[in-house]
Amino acid sequence: MATGPLLPTHEQIMVDKWSRSVAGHASEPQLDRMDARPLALLDQTLRPHLPSTYPPVADAAGSPMPPAAHLVYFPSPTQEPHLAPDGYHADEAPPPPFAQRVWAGGQIEFAPHNPLRVDSVSSQTRTIVDVTTKDTAQQQHLVFVKLKLQISNHSGLCLTECRDLAYMKPTDLRRAPVKHNKSPDFTHALIPSEILLFRYSALSWNSHRIHYDAPYACSVERHPALLVHGPLTCTLLLQLLHANMPQHFALKSFDYRAIAPAYCQQRMTLNGRWIQSQKPTDSSTIQCELWASNNEDGIAMKGVATLVPTPSSLL
């Protein structure tokens, strides 16, 4: 059942009823082969927007896949007539009037000893684990849906991803920019293009119209331009980390939050800062703060990545 500040009574009743019908029900496992072709296309899509230090992607069978590559696998089987009007999954959305959706953040827990590997057959389950309500400082009612995905291969669990999706009544999402007061240890600037957004939408089978349908994004949801996907920003930050990863370390987790929108054809800056005083070189667990800034130098997304020594089996 939805918990948190009470919505207007009739809306609360509808959200509670919907929550009871969906929460805790795991989907049937969905199988997919981690074929090298989508991985190569993802690399072709992202590499022009990444620093020159980004390493080549190993696509031979059995090679560990780069972080967040799983986002372009396990395409949704939902047919177009069953999608919501905004093009996204209707089964993850609360009832009207909460029709406007944003990717609010998430957590990814990796299994460094058992990464997803190229050409392996893996399975994914999806579960809505929680529905909560919240009021913002602007007295705006929000419904948060927490979705958990678990991906396994023949050796066991590879990763668990929790996605925090926020649903609201139609509103203007622009806010005063929140600045970051720390200097990065490494940084990279890019301008997200329409082609980048379109190709990522196609690869991730993401039909949310705010990422490719400019008339819809601007006229219906009142954005100034196409929005950069939350998962794309997350992916770019993890690829920036991958380009600056100390030797013999593996990504264990990434916990992040979306703060403000980032828009197509507007400058975005990716930043990383080692939480230690200097770039680590020993074998202890280390952490790196990652954040993306928008064209107003406000934080679009921020999070903390945890790295652990690479398991000896992968060295």
Protein backbone atom coordinates (compact mmCIF):
# COMPACT_ATOMS: atom_id res chain seq x y z
CA MET A 1 0.00 0.00 0.00
CA ALA A 2 1.18 3.52 -0.72
CA THR A 3 2.60 5.31 2.30
CA GLY A 4 3.55 8.90 3.02
CA PRO A 5 1.66 12.22 3.08
CA LEU A 6 -1.99 11.84 2.18
CA LEU A 7 -3.15 12.85 -1.27
CA PRO A 8 -6.65 14.21 -1.76
CA THR A 9 -8.92 11.38 -0.61
CA HIS A 10 -10.14 10.17 -4.01
CA GLU A 11 -6.61 10.18 -5.42
CA GLN A 12 -5.24 8.33 -2.38
CA ILE A 13 -7.91 5.64 -2.76
CA MET A 14 -6.98 5.11 -6.42
CA VAL A 15 -3.23 4.99 -5.69
CA ASP A 16 -3.74 2.57 -2.77
CA LYS A 17 -5.91 0.28 -4.90
CA TRP A 18 -3.35 0.27 -7.71
CA SER A 19 -0.49 -0.31 -5.27
CA ARG A 20 -2.20 -3.38 -3.79
CA SER A 21 -2.68 -4.82 -7.29
CA VAL A 22 0.95 -4.51 -8.40
CA ALA A 23 3.32 -4.41 -5.41
CA GLY A 24 5.35 -7.53 -4.71
CA HIS A 25 4.44 -9.42 -7.87
CA ALA A 26 7.56 -10.55 -9.73
CA SER A 27 7.38 -10.90 -13.49
CA GLU A 28 8.08 -14.12 -15.29
CA PRO A 29 11.82 -14.39 -16.00
CA GLN A 30 12.72 -12.83 -19.34
CA LEU A 31 15.61 -14.45 -21.21
CA ASP A 32 18.06 -12.63 -23.43
CA ARG A 33 21.43 -13.44 -24.95
CA MET A 34 24.11 -10.84 -24.27
CA ASP A 35 24.86 -10.69 -27.97
CA ALA A 36 27.86 -8.62 -29.04
CA ARG A 37 25.88 -6.64 -31.64
CA PRO A 38 23.88 -4.39 -29.24
CA LEU A 39 27.08 -3.87 -27.24
CA ALA A 40 28.93 -2.74 -30.37
CA LEU A 41 26.06 -0.41 -31.30
CA LEU A 42 26.01 1.04 -27.78
CA ASP A 43 29.75 1.68 -28.04
CA GLN A 44 29.26 3.31 -31.44
CA THR A 45 26.54 5.51 -29.93
CA LEU A 46 28.43 6.61 -26.82
CA ARG A 47 32.09 6.76 -27.86
CA PRO A 48 31.89 10.08 -29.79
CA HIS A 49 30.64 11.67 -26.55
CA LEU A 50 33.19 10.07 -24.20
CA PRO A 51 36.76 11.06 -23.32
CA SER A 52 39.57 9.72 -25.51
CA THR A 53 40.80 7.65 -22.55
CA TYR A 54 37.68 5.47 -22.68
CA PRO A 55 39.06 1.95 -23.26
CA PRO A 56 38.11 -0.31 -26.16
CA VAL A 57 35.15 -2.56 -25.43
CA ALA A 58 35.97 -6.26 -25.47
CA ASP A 59 33.23 -8.01 -27.43
CA ALA A 60 34.66 -11.54 -27.69
CA ALA A 61 32.44 -14.26 -26.26
CA GLY A 62 32.95 -14.55 -22.52
CA SER A 63 34.31 -11.01 -22.05
CA PRO A 64 32.90 -9.05 -19.07
CA MET A 65 30.49 -6.34 -20.20
CA PRO A 66 31.02 -2.68 -19.30
CA PRO A 67 28.90 -1.09 -16.55
CA ALA A 68 25.25 -0.30 -17.37
CA ALA A 69 25.39 -2.22 -20.66
CA HIS A 70 22.52 -4.34 -19.36
CA LEU A 71 20.21 -1.38 -20.00
CA VAL A 72 20.17 -2.14 -23.74
CA TYR A 73 19.14 -5.76 -23.25
CA PHE A 74 15.83 -7.39 -22.15
CA PRO A 75 13.54 -5.27 -24.38
CA SER A 76 10.00 -4.92 -23.08
CA PRO A 77 7.49 -7.21 -24.83
CA THR A 78 4.69 -4.64 -24.32
CA GLN A 79 2.94 -3.87 -27.60
CA GLU A 80 2.22 -0.27 -28.61
CA PRO A 81 -1.55 -0.31 -27.86
CA HIS A 82 -0.76 -1.19 -24.23
CA LEU A 83 1.70 1.64 -23.62
CA ALA A 84 0.78 4.79 -21.72
CA PRO A 85 0.05 7.97 -23.78
CA ASP A 86 3.60 9.18 -23.08
CA GLY A 87 4.94 6.03 -24.75
CA TYR A 88 6.18 4.39 -21.55
CA HIS A 89 5.08 1.25 -19.68
CA ALA A 90 1.53 1.65 -18.43
CA ASP A 91 1.89 -1.22 -15.96
CA GLU A 92 4.49 0.72 -13.95
CA ALA A 93 2.38 3.89 -13.76
CA PRO A 94 -0.16 4.83 -11.08
CA PRO A 95 -3.64 5.88 -12.22
CA PRO A 96 -4.41 9.41 -13.51
CA PRO A 97 -3.87 12.25 -12.84
CA PHE A 98 -0.27 11.14 -12.15
CA ALA A 99 0.66 11.00 -15.81
CA GLN A 100 4.01 12.82 -15.96
CA ARG A 101 7.00 10.63 -15.19
CA VAL A 102 10.66 11.25 -14.40
CA TRP A 103 13.53 8.91 -13.55
CA ALA A 104 14.34 10.00 -9.98
CA GLY A 105 17.39 7.83 -9.34
CA GLY A 106 18.35 4.33 -8.42
CA GLN A 107 20.88 1.86 -7.11
CA ILE A 108 22.83 -0.79 -9.01
CA GLU A 109 24.57 -3.59 -7.12
CA PHE A 110 27.02 -5.58 -9.22
CA ALA A 111 28.50 -9.02 -8.51
CA PRO A 112 32.19 -8.42 -9.37
CA HIS A 113 32.92 -12.17 -9.24
CA ASN A 114 30.09 -12.91 -11.71
CA PRO A 115 29.73 -10.09 -14.26
CA LEU A 116 27.44 -10.26 -17.25
CA ARG A 117 29.46 -11.73 -20.10
CA VAL A 118 29.22 -11.32 -23.85
CA ASP A 119 27.21 -14.06 -25.55
CA SER A 120 25.90 -15.56 -22.30
CA VAL A 121 22.21 -16.29 -21.86
CA SER A 122 20.83 -14.37 -18.89
CA SER A 123 17.44 -13.88 -17.26
CA GLN A 124 15.79 -10.83 -15.76
CA THR A 125 12.87 -10.48 -13.35
CA ARG A 126 11.07 -7.22 -12.57
CA THR A 127 9.16 -6.43 -9.37
CA ILE A 128 7.41 -3.29 -8.14
CA VAL A 129 8.58 -3.47 -4.54
CA ASP A 130 7.21 -0.24 -3.10
CA VAL A 131 4.82 2.65 -3.78
CA THR A 132 5.04 5.82 -1.68
CA THR A 133 3.61 9.33 -1.82
CA LYS A 134 5.34 12.59 -1.05
CA ASP A 135 4.64 16.32 -1.04
CA THR A 136 7.25 18.72 -2.37
CA ALA A 137 8.04 22.17 -1.01
CA GLN A 138 5.85 23.51 -3.82
CA GLN A 139 2.88 21.49 -2.45
CA GLN A 140 3.11 19.14 -5.39
CA HIS A 141 1.88 15.58 -4.88
CA LEU A 142 4.24 12.84 -6.07
CA VAL A 143 3.88 9.08 -6.34
CA PHE A 144 7.18 7.17 -6.17
CA VAL A 145 7.37 3.70 -7.65
CA LYS A 146 10.41 1.56 -6.76
CA LEU A 147 11.11 -1.10 -9.36
CA LYS A 148 13.63 -3.89 -8.73
CA LEU A 149 15.33 -5.80 -11.53
CA GLN A 150 17.49 -8.86 -10.93
CA ILE A 151 19.66 -10.31 -13.69
CA SER A 152 21.24 -13.76 -13.42
CA ASN A 153 23.22 -16.13 -15.59
CA HIS A 154 24.11 -19.81 -15.24
CA SER A 155 26.53 -18.94 -12.40
CA GLY A 156 23.98 -16.98 -10.34
CA LEU A 157 23.10 -13.35 -9.69
CA CYS A 158 24.98 -10.78 -11.82
CA LEU A 159 23.36 -7.55 -10.69
CA THR A 160 20.39 -6.04 -8.89
CA GLU A 161 19.06 -2.69 -10.03
CA CYS A 162 16.47 -0.60 -8.19
CA ARG A 163 14.85 2.24 -10.11
CA ASP A 164 13.03 5.10 -8.42
CA LEU A 165 10.36 6.48 -10.73
CA ALA A 166 8.45 9.65 -9.78
CA TYR A 167 4.97 10.31 -11.15
CA MET A 168 3.19 13.64 -10.85
CA LYS A 169 0.47 15.78 -12.31
CA PRO A 170 1.57 17.76 -15.39
CA THR A 171 4.00 20.41 -14.17
CA ASP A 172 7.03 22.50 -15.09
CA LEU A 173 10.07 20.55 -13.92
CA ARG A 174 12.53 23.43 -14.15
CA ARG A 175 14.00 24.52 -10.82
CA ALA A 176 16.68 26.91 -9.63
CA PRO A 177 20.03 25.19 -10.26
CA VAL A 178 21.69 23.38 -7.37
CA LYS A 179 25.45 23.97 -7.54
CA HIS A 180 28.23 21.54 -6.65
CA ASN A 181 30.87 23.06 -4.38
CA LYS A 182 33.66 20.51 -4.92
CA SER A 183 36.33 20.33 -7.60
CA PRO A 184 36.48 17.18 -9.73
CA ASP A 185 39.54 14.97 -10.13
CA PHE A 186 38.50 14.23 -13.72
CA THR A 187 35.89 15.79 -15.97
CA HIS A 188 34.51 15.67 -19.51
CA ALA A 189 32.11 17.99 -21.35
CA LEU A 190 29.73 17.00 -24.14
CA ILE A 191 26.66 18.25 -25.96
CA PRO A 192 23.98 15.54 -26.16
CA SER A 193 22.67 15.42 -29.71
CA GLU A 194 19.34 14.33 -31.15
CA ILE A 195 21.14 11.37 -32.73
CA LEU A 196 22.60 10.30 -29.37
CA LEU A 197 19.15 10.42 -27.75
CA PHE A 198 17.45 8.67 -30.67
CA ARG A 199 20.01 5.88 -30.88
CA TYR A 200 19.98 5.30 -27.13
CA SER A 201 16.16 5.20 -27.16
CA ALA A 202 16.27 2.61 -29.93
CA LEU A 203 18.97 0.48 -28.30
CA SER A 204 17.26 0.48 -24.90
CA TRP A 205 13.81 0.00 -26.49
CA ASN A 206 12.69 3.11 -24.62
CA SER A 207 9.64 4.65 -26.25
CA HIS A 208 9.16 7.45 -23.68
CA ARG A 209 8.30 10.32 -26.02
CA ILE A 210 10.11 13.06 -24.09
CA HIS A 211 13.41 11.70 -25.48
CA TYR A 212 12.67 11.75 -29.23
CA ASP A 213 9.33 13.51 -29.88
CA ALA A 214 10.12 17.22 -29.60
CA PRO A 215 6.55 18.52 -30.18
CA TYR A 216 5.30 16.23 -27.41
CA ALA A 217 8.13 17.10 -25.01
CA CYS A 218 7.72 20.86 -25.55
CA SER A 219 3.98 21.28 -26.06
CA VAL A 220 2.52 18.58 -23.82
CA GLU A 221 5.07 18.23 -20.99
CA ARG A 222 6.33 21.83 -21.35
CA HIS A 223 10.05 21.15 -21.56
CA PRO A 224 12.32 23.56 -23.46
CA ALA A 225 13.81 20.67 -25.49
CA LEU A 226 14.13 16.88 -25.61
CA LEU A 227 15.23 15.40 -22.27
CA VAL A 228 18.36 13.34 -21.85
CA HIS A 229 17.37 9.93 -20.47
CA GLY A 230 18.07 9.32 -16.80
CA PRO A 231 19.61 5.91 -17.65
CA LEU A 232 21.74 7.54 -20.35
CA THR A 233 23.14 10.08 -17.86
CA CYS A 234 23.78 7.22 -15.43
CA THR A 235 25.54 5.27 -18.19
CA LEU A 236 27.70 8.26 -19.22
CA LEU A 237 28.80 8.78 -15.63
CA LEU A 238 29.75 5.13 -15.23
CA GLN A 239 31.61 5.18 -18.56
CA LEU A 240 33.51 8.27 -17.36
CA LEU A 241 34.48 6.28 -14.27
CA HIS A 242 35.42 3.32 -16.48
CA ALA A 243 37.77 5.62 -18.43
CA ASN A 244 39.46 6.67 -15.17
CA MET A 245 39.28 3.40 -13.25
CA PRO A 246 42.41 2.51 -11.28
CA GLN A 247 43.99 -0.75 -12.36
CA HIS A 248 42.78 -3.98 -10.78
CA PHE A 249 39.53 -2.54 -9.43
CA ALA A 250 35.95 -3.50 -10.28
CA LEU A 251 32.68 -1.62 -9.83
CA LYS A 252 30.64 -2.95 -6.89
CA SER A 253 27.75 -0.46 -6.72
CA PHE A 254 26.41 2.88 -7.85
CA ASP A 255 23.81 4.78 -5.81
CA TYR A 256 22.55 7.91 -7.56
CA ARG A 257 19.84 10.54 -7.62
CA ALA A 258 18.49 12.73 -10.42
CA ILE A 259 18.32 16.38 -9.33
CA ALA A 260 17.31 18.35 -12.43
CA PRO A 261 16.68 17.71 -16.13
CA ALA A 262 19.43 17.79 -18.74
CA TYR A 263 18.40 18.74 -22.26
CA CYS A 264 19.38 17.93 -25.81
CA GLN A 265 21.84 20.32 -27.50
CA GLN A 266 22.73 21.90 -24.15
CA ARG A 267 26.14 21.43 -22.60
CA MET A 268 26.51 18.64 -20.06
CA THR A 269 29.62 18.11 -17.94
CA LEU A 270 30.51 14.75 -16.40
CA ASN A 271 32.60 14.87 -13.23
CA GLY A 272 34.34 12.45 -10.89
CA ARG A 273 36.04 12.98 -7.53
CA TRP A 274 37.79 10.35 -5.45
CA ILE A 275 36.43 10.57 -1.94
CA GLN A 276 39.93 9.91 -0.64
CA SER A 277 42.41 12.78 -0.76
CA GLN A 278 44.09 11.36 -3.86
CA LYS A 279 43.51 8.74 -6.53
CA PRO A 280 43.79 5.39 -4.74
CA THR A 281 46.46 2.86 -5.60
CA ASP A 282 46.10 0.30 -2.82
CA SER A 283 43.82 -2.73 -2.55
CA SER A 284 41.18 -1.34 -0.21
CA THR A 285 37.57 -0.59 -1.06
CA ILE A 286 37.34 2.90 -2.52
CA GLN A 287 34.59 5.31 -3.47
CA CYS A 288 34.16 7.90 -6.17
CA GLU A 289 31.63 10.71 -6.26
CA LEU A 290 30.15 11.19 -9.72
CA TRP A 291 27.95 14.04 -10.91
CA ALA A 292 26.60 15.49 -14.14
CA SER A 293 26.11 19.23 -14.48
CA ASN A 294 23.71 20.87 -16.92
CA ASN A 295 24.23 24.01 -18.98
CA GLU A 296 23.44 26.19 -15.93
CA ASP A 297 26.20 24.42 -13.97
CA GLY A 298 23.52 22.94 -11.76
CA ILE A 299 23.60 19.27 -10.77
CA ALA A 300 21.53 17.10 -13.08
CA MET A 301 22.50 13.80 -11.43
CA LYS A 302 24.83 12.81 -8.60
CA GLY A 303 25.85 9.57 -6.97
CA VAL A 304 28.56 7.52 -5.30
CA ALA A 305 30.27 4.54 -6.90
CA THR A 306 31.97 1.90 -4.76
CA LEU A 307 34.93 -0.03 -6.16
CA VAL A 308 36.52 -3.21 -4.84
CA PRO A 309 39.67 -5.08 -5.82
CA THR A 310 39.13 -7.16 -8.96
CA PRO A 311 38.48 -10.81 -8.07
CA SER A 312 41.55 -12.93 -8.80
CA SER A 313 39.51 -15.05 -11.22
CA LEU A 314 39.10 -12.01 -13.51
CA LEU A 315 42.72 -10.78 -13.44
